[in-house]
C-alpha atoms as a PDB file:
ATOM      1  CA  MET A   1     -53.184 -58.444  16.863  1.00  0.00           C
ATOM      2  CA  GLU A   2     -56.745 -57.795  17.946  1.00  0.00           C
ATOM      3  CA  LYS A   3     -58.900 -55.385  15.940  1.00  0.00           C
ATOM      4  CA  SER A   4     -62.554 -54.690  16.778  1.00  0.00           C
ATOM      5  CA  GLY A   5     -62.815 -57.932  18.728  1.00  0.00           C
ATOM      6  CA  ASP A   6     -61.336 -60.039  15.911  1.00  0.00           C
ATOM      7  CA  ILE A   7     -57.946 -61.697  15.869  1.00  0.00           C
ATOM      8  CA  VAL A   8     -55.952 -60.545  12.832  1.00  0.00           C
ATOM      9  CA  LEU A   9     -52.866 -62.402  11.611  1.00  0.00           C
ATOM     10  CA  MET A  10     -50.369 -60.344   9.673  1.00  0.00           C
ATOM     11  CA  ASN A  11     -46.717 -60.234   8.749  1.00  0.00           C
ATOM     12  CA  SER A  12     -44.711 -58.816  11.663  1.00  0.00           C
ATOM     13  CA  ASN A  13     -42.818 -56.465   9.318  1.00  0.00           C
ATOM     14  CA  ARG A  14     -46.096 -54.951   8.175  1.00  0.00           C
ATOM     15  CA  LEU A  15     -47.260 -54.520  11.773  1.00  0.00           C
ATOM     16  CA  VAL A  16     -44.039 -52.759  12.757  1.00  0.00           C
ATOM     17  CA  PHE A  17     -44.198 -50.535   9.665  1.00  0.00           C
ATOM     18  CA  GLU A  18     -47.806 -49.532  10.416  1.00  0.00           C
ATOM     19  CA  GLU A  19     -46.846 -48.680  14.017  1.00  0.00           C
ATOM     20  CA  PHE A  20     -43.909 -46.625  12.722  1.00  0.00           C
ATOM     21  CA  GLN A  21     -46.228 -44.763  10.339  1.00  0.00           C
ATOM     22  CA  ARG A  22     -48.582 -43.900  13.220  1.00  0.00           C
ATOM     23  CA  ASP A  23     -45.672 -42.755  15.392  1.00  0.00           C
ATOM     24  CA  MET A  24     -44.285 -40.537  12.615  1.00  0.00           C
ATOM     25  CA  ALA A  25     -47.627 -39.018  11.553  1.00  0.00           C
ATOM     26  CA  GLY A  26     -47.199 -35.267  11.128  1.00  0.00           C
ATOM     27  CA  GLU A  27     -43.426 -35.229  11.633  1.00  0.00           C
ATOM     28  CA  ALA A  28     -42.648 -34.302   8.005  1.00  0.00           C
ATOM     29  CA  VAL A  29     -44.844 -31.201   8.196  1.00  0.00           C
ATOM     30  CA  ARG A  30     -43.325 -30.237  11.559  1.00  0.00           C
ATOM     31  CA  ALA A  31     -39.888 -30.536   9.909  1.00  0.00           C
ATOM     32  CA  GLY A  32     -40.983 -28.229   7.086  1.00  0.00           C
ATOM     33  CA  LEU A  33     -41.351 -30.968   4.465  1.00  0.00           C
ATOM     34  CA  ASN A  34     -44.594 -29.956   2.790  1.00  0.00           C
ATOM     35  CA  SER A  35     -44.314 -31.789  -0.533  1.00  0.00           C
ATOM     36  CA  GLU A  36     -42.704 -34.813  -2.133  1.00  0.00           C
ATOM     37  CA  ASP A  37     -40.220 -32.446  -3.785  1.00  0.00           C
ATOM     38  CA  ASP A  38     -39.169 -31.201  -0.322  1.00  0.00           C
ATOM     39  CA  VAL A  39     -38.546 -34.802   0.754  1.00  0.00           C
ATOM     40  CA  ALA A  40     -36.633 -35.602  -2.452  1.00  0.00           C
ATOM     41  CA  ASP A  41     -34.448 -32.502  -1.975  1.00  0.00           C
ATOM     42  CA  LEU A  42     -33.678 -33.505   1.620  1.00  0.00           C
ATOM     43  CA  VAL A  43     -32.759 -37.045   0.547  1.00  0.00           C
ATOM     44  CA  LYS A  44     -30.434 -35.644  -2.152  1.00  0.00           C
ATOM     45  CA  GLN A  45     -28.754 -33.368   0.417  1.00  0.00           C
ATOM     46  CA  ILE A  46     -28.238 -36.235   2.857  1.00  0.00           C
ATOM     47  CA  CYS A  47     -26.931 -38.572   0.142  1.00  0.00           C
ATOM     48  CA  GLY A  48     -24.528 -35.861  -1.036  1.00  0.00           C
ATOM     49  CA  LYS A  49     -23.195 -35.334   2.483  1.00  0.00           C
ATOM     50  CA  MET A  50     -22.788 -39.077   3.001  1.00  0.00           C
ATOM     51  CA  TRP A  51     -20.920 -39.400  -0.325  1.00  0.00           C
ATOM     52  CA  GLU A  52     -18.633 -36.518   0.593  1.00  0.00           C
ATOM     53  CA  ALA A  53     -17.917 -38.036   4.014  1.00  0.00           C
ATOM     54  CA  GLN A  54     -17.061 -41.414   2.484  1.00  0.00           C
ATOM     55  CA  HIS A  55     -14.790 -39.912  -0.172  1.00  0.00           C
ATOM     56  CA  ALA A  56     -13.273 -37.005   1.747  1.00  0.00           C
ATOM     57  CA  GLY A  57      -9.750 -38.447   1.741  1.00  0.00           C
ATOM     58  CA  ASN A  58      -9.761 -39.496  -1.917  1.00  0.00           C
ATOM     59  CA  ALA A  59      -9.131 -36.104  -3.496  1.00  0.00           C
END
């Protein structure tokens, strides 16, 4: 990667993650996630739905 005329060597995973962060900048706010608690609540909802889907036939 070139940065300000210098060649920078870095782990490819880090590079991809930094690009992903730039691409996703502002998306949480646009989705109505204004705090870490909002994000945690969304993750809990999604995990709950996934658990229910996996165990739907086990009742």
